[in-house]
């Protein structure tokens, strides 16, 4: 059984129906709910995820998203766009059965991006981080229930985007002034918070980061069933962690095709690095297709519509090549 291919999340343009048609048409076996950040604040990944929060709100300031006391125009816009995207996805998945992926920003990237009233990141306040994670978990539970109601045949996969996770762990997130960085958050606290948020979903939970140094071991211990990453950023230093993850049953969502316009190699060439990694780790080639899902390296919001469609078709062909010729 081939694990196949899917998208990361964002697409260019602002037409929800067109995006849903592309995401379901390109990935017939593993569609996803597209995000269209070009529509403006509230359609971006941070704004969209603040719209999911329960009893917590945010609005746009010139510096970014800031916590509010009550829901305002920005919250309403984020929720309205998500509703529009879900309506479009529902239309194009009538009678669909199989895996379907939805994405939201994870608690730590959200804490690094959202500002408290004074302008500093929520990340600097441990209590605020706890409240945020609890609110996000509640919102995700409602969102997942809504998706299952709309598309009853779907086996929902939850993807949490955590591009800032490594910076949070290493104390590299910059303060509002930019002159200092926030203290690194204790690994146990990071792991425990992720575990609590992952627990809202009893299906597959994958974590996506297109930053370097993805903490594979920590994510696996927290209960992630898959890790989605930019394959070009891997170094041999991560070999052991990846080998352990694969042997422990973690799926790798390997981002092997660049997300912005450029030449596409042949599909077999795109997954050559994955085959080499398998050989280097001494893993059985037969396990490749069931352990690896092929994706673009990151979201496609910065691509042209034609390239976005081409990349997604390319990922499907690359996954087939991996399944047919694992050696």
C-alpha atoms as a PDB file:
ATOM      1  CA  UNK A   1       0.000   0.000   0.000  1.00  0.00           C
ATOM      2  CA  UNK A   2       1.517   3.298  -1.077  1.00  0.00           C
ATOM      3  CA  UNK A   3       1.350   6.234   1.324  1.00  0.00           C
ATOM      4  CA  UNK A   4       1.079   8.436  -1.746  1.00  0.00           C
ATOM      5  CA  UNK A   5       1.269  12.201  -2.023  1.00  0.00           C
ATOM      6  CA  UNK A   6      -0.517  15.266  -0.696  1.00  0.00           C
ATOM      7  CA  UNK A   7      -0.138  19.048  -0.466  1.00  0.00           C
ATOM      8  CA  UNK A   8       1.218  21.112   2.415  1.00  0.00           C
ATOM      9  CA  UNK A   9      -1.613  23.647   2.744  1.00  0.00           C
ATOM     10  CA  UNK A  10      -1.429  26.980   0.974  1.00  0.00           C
ATOM     11  CA  UNK A  11      -2.196  27.705  -2.681  1.00  0.00           C
ATOM     12  CA  UNK A  12      -1.989  30.906  -4.739  1.00  0.00           C
ATOM     13  CA  UNK A  13      -5.049  32.996  -5.599  1.00  0.00           C
ATOM     14  CA  UNK A  14      -8.224  33.769  -3.709  1.00  0.00           C
ATOM     15  CA  UNK A  15     -10.938  31.543  -5.181  1.00  0.00           C
ATOM     16  CA  UNK A  16     -12.022  28.883  -2.675  1.00  0.00           C
ATOM     17  CA  UNK A  17     -13.812  26.699  -5.236  1.00  0.00           C
ATOM     18  CA  UNK A  18     -10.881  26.752  -7.658  1.00  0.00           C
ATOM     19  CA  UNK A  19      -8.501  25.818  -4.795  1.00  0.00           C
ATOM     20  CA  UNK A  20     -10.712  22.968  -3.569  1.00  0.00           C
ATOM     21  CA  UNK A  21     -11.012  21.663  -7.115  1.00  0.00           C
ATOM     22  CA  UNK A  22      -7.199  21.698  -7.487  1.00  0.00           C
ATOM     23  CA  UNK A  23      -6.511  20.045  -4.100  1.00  0.00           C
ATOM     24  CA  UNK A  24      -9.072  17.274  -4.623  1.00  0.00           C
ATOM     25  CA  UNK A  25      -8.305  16.799  -8.325  1.00  0.00           C
ATOM     26  CA  UNK A  26      -4.528  16.613  -7.892  1.00  0.00           C
ATOM     27  CA  UNK A  27      -4.605  14.278  -4.885  1.00  0.00           C
ATOM     28  CA  UNK A  28      -7.539  11.950  -5.452  1.00  0.00           C
ATOM     29  CA  UNK A  29      -6.330   9.588  -2.691  1.00  0.00           C
ATOM     30  CA  UNK A  30      -5.193  12.178  -0.141  1.00  0.00           C
ATOM     31  CA  UNK A  31      -6.812  15.632  -0.672  1.00  0.00           C
ATOM     32  CA  UNK A  32      -6.401  18.503   1.789  1.00  0.00           C
ATOM     33  CA  UNK A  33      -8.222  21.680   2.813  1.00  0.00           C
ATOM     34  CA  UNK A  34      -6.465  24.526   0.939  1.00  0.00           C
ATOM     35  CA  UNK A  35      -5.436  27.834   2.532  1.00  0.00           C
ATOM     36  CA  UNK A  36      -5.420  31.028   0.448  1.00  0.00           C
ATOM     37  CA  UNK A  37      -3.319  33.669   2.242  1.00  0.00           C
ATOM     38  CA  UNK A  38      -3.428  36.063  -0.761  1.00  0.00           C
ATOM     39  CA  UNK A  39      -6.936  37.075   0.379  1.00  0.00           C
ATOM     40  CA  UNK A  40      -5.335  39.079   3.203  1.00  0.00           C
ATOM     41  CA  UNK A  41      -5.217  39.117   7.024  1.00  0.00           C
ATOM     42  CA  UNK A  42      -7.322  36.287   8.438  1.00  0.00           C
ATOM     43  CA  UNK A  43      -6.514  34.018   5.508  1.00  0.00           C
ATOM     44  CA  UNK A  44      -2.813  33.891   6.480  1.00  0.00           C
ATOM     45  CA  UNK A  45      -1.837  30.880   8.587  1.00  0.00           C
ATOM     46  CA  UNK A  46      -1.630  32.765  11.906  1.00  0.00           C
ATOM     47  CA  UNK A  47      -4.889  34.672  11.354  1.00  0.00           C
ATOM     48  CA  UNK A  48      -6.711  31.564  10.195  1.00  0.00           C
ATOM     49  CA  UNK A  49      -5.675  29.663  13.325  1.00  0.00           C
ATOM     50  CA  UNK A  50      -6.629  32.537  15.648  1.00  0.00           C
ATOM     51  CA  UNK A  51     -10.112  32.163  14.140  1.00  0.00           C
ATOM     52  CA  UNK A  52     -10.238  28.624  15.578  1.00  0.00           C
ATOM     53  CA  UNK A  53      -9.468  29.716  19.150  1.00  0.00           C
ATOM     54  CA  UNK A  54     -12.214  29.323  21.763  1.00  0.00           C
ATOM     55  CA  UNK A  55     -12.807  32.268  24.156  1.00  0.00           C
ATOM     56  CA  UNK A  56      -9.652  33.958  22.895  1.00  0.00           C
ATOM     57  CA  UNK A  57      -9.490  36.506  20.080  1.00  0.00           C
ATOM     58  CA  UNK A  58      -6.943  38.431  18.042  1.00  0.00           C
ATOM     59  CA  UNK A  59      -6.794  41.412  15.703  1.00  0.00           C
ATOM     60  CA  UNK A  60      -4.261  42.802  13.257  1.00  0.00           C
ATOM     61  CA  UNK A  61      -1.803  45.514  14.318  1.00  0.00           C
ATOM     62  CA  UNK A  62       0.922  46.928  12.024  1.00  0.00           C
ATOM     63  CA  UNK A  63       3.365  44.598  13.856  1.00  0.00           C
ATOM     64  CA  UNK A  64       1.221  41.455  13.409  1.00  0.00           C
ATOM     65  CA  UNK A  65      -1.555  39.629  15.242  1.00  0.00           C
ATOM     66  CA  UNK A  66      -2.355  40.758  18.784  1.00  0.00           C
ATOM     67  CA  UNK A  67      -4.645  39.266  21.424  1.00  0.00           C
ATOM     68  CA  UNK A  68      -7.993  41.119  21.851  1.00  0.00           C
ATOM     69  CA  UNK A  69     -10.595  41.124  24.604  1.00  0.00           C
ATOM     70  CA  UNK A  70     -13.473  40.434  22.235  1.00  0.00           C
ATOM     71  CA  UNK A  71     -14.015  39.198  18.683  1.00  0.00           C
ATOM     72  CA  UNK A  72     -13.703  41.937  16.061  1.00  0.00           C
ATOM     73  CA  UNK A  73     -13.698  42.282  12.303  1.00  0.00           C
ATOM     74  CA  UNK A  74     -10.460  40.275  11.863  1.00  0.00           C
ATOM     75  CA  UNK A  75     -11.779  37.288  13.817  1.00  0.00           C
ATOM     76  CA  UNK A  76     -15.054  37.352  11.881  1.00  0.00           C
ATOM     77  CA  UNK A  77     -13.202  37.524   8.578  1.00  0.00           C
ATOM     78  CA  UNK A  78     -10.927  34.571   9.485  1.00  0.00           C
ATOM     79  CA  UNK A  79     -13.948  32.446  10.463  1.00  0.00           C
ATOM     80  CA  UNK A  80     -15.919  33.446   7.392  1.00  0.00           C
ATOM     81  CA  UNK A  81     -13.094  32.475   5.018  1.00  0.00           C
ATOM     82  CA  UNK A  82     -12.581  29.140   6.768  1.00  0.00           C
ATOM     83  CA  UNK A  83     -16.318  28.479   6.377  1.00  0.00           C
ATOM     84  CA  UNK A  84     -16.129  29.344   2.686  1.00  0.00           C
ATOM     85  CA  UNK A  85     -13.159  26.986   2.231  1.00  0.00           C
ATOM     86  CA  UNK A  86     -14.973  24.162   4.025  1.00  0.00           C
ATOM     87  CA  UNK A  87     -18.109  24.689   1.885  1.00  0.00           C
ATOM     88  CA  UNK A  88     -15.980  24.424  -1.267  1.00  0.00           C
ATOM     89  CA  UNK A  89     -14.144  21.323  -0.027  1.00  0.00           C
ATOM     90  CA  UNK A  90     -17.444  19.687   0.915  1.00  0.00           C
ATOM     91  CA  UNK A  91     -18.751  20.332  -2.597  1.00  0.00           C
ATOM     92  CA  UNK A  92     -15.784  18.586  -4.233  1.00  0.00           C
ATOM     93  CA  UNK A  93     -15.649  15.618  -1.810  1.00  0.00           C
ATOM     94  CA  UNK A  94     -19.234  14.340  -2.129  1.00  0.00           C
ATOM     95  CA  UNK A  95     -19.126  10.586  -1.465  1.00  0.00           C
ATOM     96  CA  UNK A  96     -15.356  10.670  -0.820  1.00  0.00           C
ATOM     97  CA  UNK A  97     -13.887   7.997   1.449  1.00  0.00           C
ATOM     98  CA  UNK A  98     -10.224   7.988   2.492  1.00  0.00           C
ATOM     99  CA  UNK A  99      -7.613  10.254   4.055  1.00  0.00           C
ATOM    100  CA  UNK A 100      -8.262  13.985   4.087  1.00  0.00           C
ATOM    101  CA  UNK A 101      -5.870  16.501   5.641  1.00  0.00           C
ATOM    102  CA  UNK A 102      -6.653  19.745   7.451  1.00  0.00           C
ATOM    103  CA  UNK A 103      -4.000  22.165   8.735  1.00  0.00           C
ATOM    104  CA  UNK A 104      -3.700  24.596  11.649  1.00  0.00           C
ATOM    105  CA  UNK A 105      -0.791  26.363  13.321  1.00  0.00           C
ATOM    106  CA  UNK A 106       0.577  24.512  16.348  1.00  0.00           C
ATOM    107  CA  UNK A 107       0.672  26.008  19.874  1.00  0.00           C
ATOM    108  CA  UNK A 108       4.346  27.034  19.900  1.00  0.00           C
ATOM    109  CA  UNK A 109       4.474  28.805  16.539  1.00  0.00           C
ATOM    110  CA  UNK A 110       1.229  30.534  17.532  1.00  0.00           C
ATOM    111  CA  UNK A 111       2.747  31.600  20.883  1.00  0.00           C
ATOM    112  CA  UNK A 112       5.807  32.967  19.053  1.00  0.00           C
ATOM    113  CA  UNK A 113       3.657  34.918  16.563  1.00  0.00           C
ATOM    114  CA  UNK A 114       0.802  36.271  18.705  1.00  0.00           C
ATOM    115  CA  UNK A 115       1.401  39.456  20.701  1.00  0.00           C
ATOM    116  CA  UNK A 116       0.136  40.200  24.193  1.00  0.00           C
ATOM    117  CA  UNK A 117      -1.507  43.606  24.814  1.00  0.00           C
ATOM    118  CA  UNK A 118       1.908  45.199  25.435  1.00  0.00           C
ATOM    119  CA  UNK A 119       3.357  43.998  22.147  1.00  0.00           C
ATOM    120  CA  UNK A 120       5.633  41.202  23.397  1.00  0.00           C
ATOM    121  CA  UNK A 121       5.040  37.628  22.172  1.00  0.00           C
ATOM    122  CA  UNK A 122       2.837  35.321  24.246  1.00  0.00           C
ATOM    123  CA  UNK A 123       5.894  33.084  24.297  1.00  0.00           C
ATOM    124  CA  UNK A 124       7.397  35.090  27.169  1.00  0.00           C
ATOM    125  CA  UNK A 125       4.463  34.301  29.481  1.00  0.00           C
ATOM    126  CA  UNK A 126       4.164  30.641  30.507  1.00  0.00           C
ATOM    127  CA  UNK A 127       0.573  31.083  31.758  1.00  0.00           C
ATOM    128  CA  UNK A 128      -0.484  32.731  28.495  1.00  0.00           C
ATOM    129  CA  UNK A 129       1.085  29.838  26.551  1.00  0.00           C
ATOM    130  CA  UNK A 130      -0.928  27.328  28.608  1.00  0.00           C
ATOM    131  CA  UNK A 131      -4.170  29.249  28.030  1.00  0.00           C
ATOM    132  CA  UNK A 132      -3.439  29.522  24.314  1.00  0.00           C
ATOM    133  CA  UNK A 133      -2.762  25.777  23.976  1.00  0.00           C
ATOM    134  CA  UNK A 134      -6.003  24.978  25.832  1.00  0.00           C
ATOM    135  CA  UNK A 135      -8.028  27.362  23.645  1.00  0.00           C
ATOM    136  CA  UNK A 136      -6.447  25.950  20.474  1.00  0.00           C
ATOM    137  CA  UNK A 137      -7.134  22.354  21.553  1.00  0.00           C
ATOM    138  CA  UNK A 138     -10.805  23.180  22.166  1.00  0.00           C
ATOM    139  CA  UNK A 139     -11.073  24.949  18.799  1.00  0.00           C
ATOM    140  CA  UNK A 140      -9.414  22.077  16.946  1.00  0.00           C
ATOM    141  CA  UNK A 141     -11.824  19.611  18.543  1.00  0.00           C
ATOM    142  CA  UNK A 142     -14.785  21.620  17.181  1.00  0.00           C
ATOM    143  CA  UNK A 143     -13.143  22.103  13.764  1.00  0.00           C
ATOM    144  CA  UNK A 144     -12.413  18.373  13.369  1.00  0.00           C
ATOM    145  CA  UNK A 145     -15.988  17.494  14.360  1.00  0.00           C
ATOM    146  CA  UNK A 146     -17.277  19.962  11.729  1.00  0.00           C
ATOM    147  CA  UNK A 147     -15.052  18.427   9.020  1.00  0.00           C
ATOM    148  CA  UNK A 148     -16.252  14.902   9.917  1.00  0.00           C
ATOM    149  CA  UNK A 149     -19.872  16.051   9.799  1.00  0.00           C
ATOM    150  CA  UNK A 150     -19.424  17.605   6.367  1.00  0.00           C
ATOM    151  CA  UNK A 151     -17.367  14.743   4.866  1.00  0.00           C
ATOM    152  CA  UNK A 152     -18.482  11.646   6.795  1.00  0.00           C
ATOM    153  CA  UNK A 153     -16.401   9.209   4.708  1.00  0.00           C
ATOM    154  CA  UNK A 154     -13.145  11.054   5.449  1.00  0.00           C
ATOM    155  CA  UNK A 155     -10.404   9.619   7.594  1.00  0.00           C
ATOM    156  CA  UNK A 156      -9.251  13.026   8.864  1.00  0.00           C
ATOM    157  CA  UNK A 157      -5.524  13.718   9.240  1.00  0.00           C
ATOM    158  CA  UNK A 158      -4.609  16.744  11.387  1.00  0.00           C
ATOM    159  CA  UNK A 159      -1.487  18.689  10.397  1.00  0.00           C
ATOM    160  CA  UNK A 160      -0.083  21.214  12.854  1.00  0.00           C
ATOM    161  CA  UNK A 161       2.301  23.768  11.352  1.00  0.00           C
ATOM    162  CA  UNK A 162       5.236  24.428  13.683  1.00  0.00           C
ATOM    163  CA  UNK A 163       7.897  26.306  11.659  1.00  0.00           C
ATOM    164  CA  UNK A 164       9.017  28.209  14.803  1.00  0.00           C
ATOM    165  CA  UNK A 165       9.329  25.113  17.021  1.00  0.00           C
ATOM    166  CA  UNK A 166      13.118  24.776  16.705  1.00  0.00           C
ATOM    167  CA  UNK A 167      13.583  28.520  17.405  1.00  0.00           C
ATOM    168  CA  UNK A 168      11.367  28.179  20.519  1.00  0.00           C
ATOM    169  CA  UNK A 169      13.452  25.235  21.792  1.00  0.00           C
ATOM    170  CA  UNK A 170      16.773  26.985  21.101  1.00  0.00           C
ATOM    171  CA  UNK A 171      15.835  30.459  22.357  1.00  0.00           C
ATOM    172  CA  UNK A 172      16.041  32.086  18.915  1.00  0.00           C
ATOM    173  CA  UNK A 173      12.654  33.831  18.746  1.00  0.00           C
ATOM    174  CA  UNK A 174      13.253  37.604  18.593  1.00  0.00           C
ATOM    175  CA  UNK A 175      11.508  40.029  20.942  1.00  0.00           C
ATOM    176  CA  UNK A 176       9.324  42.902  19.720  1.00  0.00           C
ATOM    177  CA  UNK A 177      12.304  45.306  19.641  1.00  0.00           C
ATOM    178  CA  UNK A 178      14.373  42.726  17.751  1.00  0.00           C
ATOM    179  CA  UNK A 179      17.337  43.424  20.065  1.00  0.00           C
ATOM    180  CA  UNK A 180      16.964  40.352  22.213  1.00  0.00           C
ATOM    181  CA  UNK A 181      15.525  36.859  22.053  1.00  0.00           C
ATOM    182  CA  UNK A 182      13.065  35.117  24.353  1.00  0.00           C
ATOM    183  CA  UNK A 183      14.416  32.440  26.695  1.00  0.00           C
ATOM    184  CA  UNK A 184      14.372  28.907  25.335  1.00  0.00           C
ATOM    185  CA  UNK A 185      11.313  26.967  26.532  1.00  0.00           C
ATOM    186  CA  UNK A 186      12.071  23.782  28.469  1.00  0.00           C
ATOM    187  CA  UNK A 187      11.874  20.715  26.192  1.00  0.00           C
ATOM    188  CA  UNK A 188       9.606  18.869  28.618  1.00  0.00           C
ATOM    189  CA  UNK A 189       7.139  21.762  28.640  1.00  0.00           C
ATOM    190  CA  UNK A 190       7.181  21.943  24.836  1.00  0.00           C
ATOM    191  CA  UNK A 191       6.646  18.201  24.541  1.00  0.00           C
ATOM    192  CA  UNK A 192       3.878  18.097  27.165  1.00  0.00           C
ATOM    193  CA  UNK A 193       1.960  20.952  25.511  1.00  0.00           C
ATOM    194  CA  UNK A 194       2.201  19.281  22.103  1.00  0.00           C
ATOM    195  CA  UNK A 195       1.031  15.973  23.590  1.00  0.00           C
ATOM    196  CA  UNK A 196      -2.048  17.685  25.070  1.00  0.00           C
ATOM    197  CA  UNK A 197      -2.941  19.354  21.766  1.00  0.00           C
ATOM    198  CA  UNK A 198      -2.335  16.163  19.728  1.00  0.00           C
ATOM    199  CA  UNK A 199      -4.710  14.327  22.095  1.00  0.00           C
ATOM    200  CA  UNK A 200      -7.741  16.159  20.647  1.00  0.00           C
ATOM    201  CA  UNK A 201      -7.579  13.891  17.596  1.00  0.00           C
ATOM    202  CA  UNK A 202      -7.674  10.113  17.714  1.00  0.00           C
ATOM    203  CA  UNK A 203      -6.512   9.780  14.096  1.00  0.00           C
ATOM    204  CA  UNK A 204      -3.228  10.691  12.410  1.00  0.00           C
ATOM    205  CA  UNK A 205      -1.502  13.843  13.663  1.00  0.00           C
ATOM    206  CA  UNK A 206       1.431  15.170  11.672  1.00  0.00           C
ATOM    207  CA  UNK A 207       3.642  18.164  12.382  1.00  0.00           C
ATOM    208  CA  UNK A 208       4.931  20.304   9.516  1.00  0.00           C
ATOM    209  CA  UNK A 209       8.034  22.483   9.650  1.00  0.00           C
ATOM    210  CA  UNK A 210       9.965  23.791   6.677  1.00  0.00           C
ATOM    211  CA  UNK A 211      12.708  25.125   8.994  1.00  0.00           C
ATOM    212  CA  UNK A 212      16.073  23.377   9.527  1.00  0.00           C
ATOM    213  CA  UNK A 213      16.754  21.079  12.518  1.00  0.00           C
ATOM    214  CA  UNK A 214      13.279  19.582  12.926  1.00  0.00           C
ATOM    215  CA  UNK A 215      13.162  17.837  16.363  1.00  0.00           C
ATOM    216  CA  UNK A 216      12.055  14.402  15.089  1.00  0.00           C
ATOM    217  CA  UNK A 217      12.622  12.629  18.428  1.00  0.00           C
ATOM    218  CA  UNK A 218      10.663  15.145  20.491  1.00  0.00           C
ATOM    219  CA  UNK A 219       7.723  15.113  18.057  1.00  0.00           C
ATOM    220  CA  UNK A 220       7.607  11.327  18.087  1.00  0.00           C
ATOM    221  CA  UNK A 221       7.643  11.204  21.900  1.00  0.00           C
ATOM    222  CA  UNK A 222       4.842  13.789  21.993  1.00  0.00           C
ATOM    223  CA  UNK A 223       2.716  11.418  19.888  1.00  0.00           C
ATOM    224  CA  UNK A 224       2.980  12.753  16.328  1.00  0.00           C
ATOM    225  CA  UNK A 225       2.302   9.932  13.860  1.00  0.00           C
ATOM    226  CA  UNK A 226       4.082  11.790  11.037  1.00  0.00           C
ATOM    227  CA  UNK A 227       6.541  14.609  10.416  1.00  0.00           C
ATOM    228  CA  UNK A 228       6.365  16.867   7.352  1.00  0.00           C
ATOM    229  CA  UNK A 229       9.591  18.680   6.408  1.00  0.00           C
ATOM    230  CA  UNK A 230      11.678  20.244   3.656  1.00  0.00           C
ATOM    231  CA  UNK A 231      13.844  17.329   2.522  1.00  0.00           C
ATOM    232  CA  UNK A 232      16.552  19.644   1.116  1.00  0.00           C
ATOM    233  CA  UNK A 233      17.329  20.943   4.642  1.00  0.00           C
ATOM    234  CA  UNK A 234      18.160  17.523   6.122  1.00  0.00           C
ATOM    235  CA  UNK A 235      21.745  16.853   7.130  1.00  0.00           C
ATOM    236  CA  UNK A 236      23.355  13.514   8.026  1.00  0.00           C
ATOM    237  CA  UNK A 237      23.244  14.676  11.662  1.00  0.00           C
ATOM    238  CA  UNK A 238      19.532  13.852  11.594  1.00  0.00           C
ATOM    239  CA  UNK A 239      20.038  10.310  10.252  1.00  0.00           C
ATOM    240  CA  UNK A 240      19.766   8.554  13.620  1.00  0.00           C
ATOM    241  CA  UNK A 241      16.649  10.451  14.679  1.00  0.00           C
ATOM    242  CA  UNK A 242      14.981   9.735  11.322  1.00  0.00           C
ATOM    243  CA  UNK A 243      15.969   6.071  11.382  1.00  0.00           C
ATOM    244  CA  UNK A 244      14.490   5.675  14.879  1.00  0.00           C
ATOM    245  CA  UNK A 245      11.332   7.529  13.858  1.00  0.00           C
ATOM    246  CA  UNK A 246      10.762   5.320  10.792  1.00  0.00           C
ATOM    247  CA  UNK A 247      11.442   2.133  12.752  1.00  0.00           C
ATOM    248  CA  UNK A 248       8.960   3.351  15.379  1.00  0.00           C
ATOM    249  CA  UNK A 249       6.273   3.692  12.678  1.00  0.00           C
ATOM    250  CA  UNK A 250       6.444   7.482  12.113  1.00  0.00           C
ATOM    251  CA  UNK A 251       5.452   8.521   8.588  1.00  0.00           C
ATOM    252  CA  UNK A 252       7.734  10.945   6.760  1.00  0.00           C
ATOM    253  CA  UNK A 253       6.011  13.613   4.687  1.00  0.00           C
ATOM    254  CA  UNK A 254       9.024  14.415   2.528  1.00  0.00           C
ATOM    255  CA  UNK A 255       8.945  17.841   0.878  1.00  0.00           C
ATOM    256  CA  UNK A 256      10.993  17.085  -2.219  1.00  0.00           C
ATOM    257  CA  UNK A 257       9.746  19.633  -4.772  1.00  0.00           C
ATOM    258  CA  UNK A 258      10.376  23.364  -4.327  1.00  0.00           C
ATOM    259  CA  UNK A 259       7.345  25.509  -3.570  1.00  0.00           C
ATOM    260  CA  UNK A 260       8.169  28.445  -5.855  1.00  0.00           C
ATOM    261  CA  UNK A 261       8.332  28.455  -9.651  1.00  0.00           C
ATOM    262  CA  UNK A 262      11.322  26.683 -11.110  1.00  0.00           C
ATOM    263  CA  UNK A 263      12.202  23.785 -13.399  1.00  0.00           C
ATOM    264  CA  UNK A 264      10.815  20.384 -12.382  1.00  0.00           C
ATOM    265  CA  UNK A 265      13.134  17.398 -12.756  1.00  0.00           C
ATOM    266  CA  UNK A 266      11.739  14.009 -13.733  1.00  0.00           C
ATOM    267  CA  UNK A 267       9.537  12.560 -10.938  1.00  0.00           C
ATOM    268  CA  UNK A 268      11.996   9.707 -10.252  1.00  0.00           C
ATOM    269  CA  UNK A 269      14.810  12.249  -9.831  1.00  0.00           C
ATOM    270  CA  UNK A 270      12.799  14.196  -7.253  1.00  0.00           C
ATOM    271  CA  UNK A 271      12.759  11.211  -4.886  1.00  0.00           C
ATOM    272  CA  UNK A 272      16.340  10.057  -5.515  1.00  0.00           C
ATOM    273  CA  UNK A 273      17.433  11.629  -2.208  1.00  0.00           C
ATOM    274  CA  UNK A 274      14.777   9.640  -0.338  1.00  0.00           C
ATOM    275  CA  UNK A 275      16.064   6.386  -1.828  1.00  0.00           C
ATOM    276  CA  UNK A 276      19.646   7.361  -0.883  1.00  0.00           C
ATOM    277  CA  UNK A 277      18.549   8.158   2.689  1.00  0.00           C
ATOM    278  CA  UNK A 278      16.932   4.707   2.950  1.00  0.00           C
ATOM    279  CA  UNK A 279      20.144   3.033   1.790  1.00  0.00           C
ATOM    280  CA  UNK A 280      22.245   5.132   4.191  1.00  0.00           C
ATOM    281  CA  UNK A 281      19.991   4.144   7.094  1.00  0.00           C
ATOM    282  CA  UNK A 282      20.009   0.476   6.069  1.00  0.00           C
ATOM    283  CA  UNK A 283      16.205   0.382   5.916  1.00  0.00           C
ATOM    284  CA  UNK A 284      14.414  -2.195   3.749  1.00  0.00           C
ATOM    285  CA  UNK A 285      13.485  -0.643   0.357  1.00  0.00           C
ATOM    286  CA  UNK A 286      10.112  -2.382   0.560  1.00  0.00           C
ATOM    287  CA  UNK A 287       9.115  -0.125   3.476  1.00  0.00           C
ATOM    288  CA  UNK A 288       9.722   3.078   1.513  1.00  0.00           C
ATOM    289  CA  UNK A 289       6.333   3.504  -0.107  1.00  0.00           C
ATOM    290  CA  UNK A 290       4.405   2.859   3.094  1.00  0.00           C
ATOM    291  CA  UNK A 291       6.601   5.154   5.217  1.00  0.00           C
ATOM    292  CA  UNK A 292       6.934   8.148   2.897  1.00  0.00           C
ATOM    293  CA  UNK A 293       4.314  10.601   1.624  1.00  0.00           C
ATOM    294  CA  UNK A 294       5.612  12.923  -1.115  1.00  0.00           C
ATOM    295  CA  UNK A 295       4.771  16.643  -0.815  1.00  0.00           C
ATOM    296  CA  UNK A 296       6.036  20.033  -1.997  1.00  0.00           C
ATOM    297  CA  UNK A 297       8.771  21.375   0.334  1.00  0.00           C
ATOM    298  CA  UNK A 298       6.449  24.045   1.751  1.00  0.00           C
ATOM    299  CA  UNK A 299       3.153  25.750   0.983  1.00  0.00           C
ATOM    300  CA  UNK A 300       2.545  26.983  -2.579  1.00  0.00           C
ATOM    301  CA  UNK A 301       1.213  30.474  -1.794  1.00  0.00           C
ATOM    302  CA  UNK A 302       4.206  32.072  -3.538  1.00  0.00           C
ATOM    303  CA  UNK A 303       3.888  30.000  -6.720  1.00  0.00           C
ATOM    304  CA  UNK A 304       2.036  30.820  -9.922  1.00  0.00           C
ATOM    305  CA  UNK A 305      -1.287  28.928 -10.294  1.00  0.00           C
ATOM    306  CA  UNK A 306       0.121  26.926 -13.222  1.00  0.00           C
ATOM    307  CA  UNK A 307       3.248  25.918 -11.267  1.00  0.00           C
ATOM    308  CA  UNK A 308       1.140  25.011  -8.194  1.00  0.00           C
ATOM    309  CA  UNK A 309      -0.941  22.622 -10.314  1.00  0.00           C
ATOM    310  CA  UNK A 310       2.167  21.182 -12.008  1.00  0.00           C
ATOM    311  CA  UNK A 311       3.961  20.596  -8.676  1.00  0.00           C
ATOM    312  CA  UNK A 312       1.021  18.711  -7.213  1.00  0.00           C
ATOM    313  CA  UNK A 313       0.746  16.428 -10.257  1.00  0.00           C
ATOM    314  CA  UNK A 314       4.538  15.964 -10.083  1.00  0.00           C
ATOM    315  CA  UNK A 315       4.305  14.839  -6.403  1.00  0.00           C
ATOM    316  CA  UNK A 316       1.761  12.159  -7.356  1.00  0.00           C
ATOM    317  CA  UNK A 317       4.049  10.837 -10.116  1.00  0.00           C
ATOM    318  CA  UNK A 318       7.093  10.952  -7.810  1.00  0.00           C
ATOM    319  CA  UNK A 319       5.209   8.914  -5.170  1.00  0.00           C
ATOM    320  CA  UNK A 320       4.316   6.359  -7.834  1.00  0.00           C
ATOM    321  CA  UNK A 321       7.957   6.152  -8.880  1.00  0.00           C
ATOM    322  CA  UNK A 322       8.933   5.508  -5.252  1.00  0.00           C
ATOM    323  CA  UNK A 323       6.365   2.719  -4.951  1.00  0.00           C
ATOM    324  CA  UNK A 324       7.334   1.129  -8.300  1.00  0.00           C
ATOM    325  CA  UNK A 325      11.147   1.398  -7.938  1.00  0.00           C
ATOM    326  CA  UNK A 326      12.063   1.620  -4.267  1.00  0.00           C
ATOM    327  CA  UNK A 327      15.670   0.503  -4.869  1.00  0.00           C
END
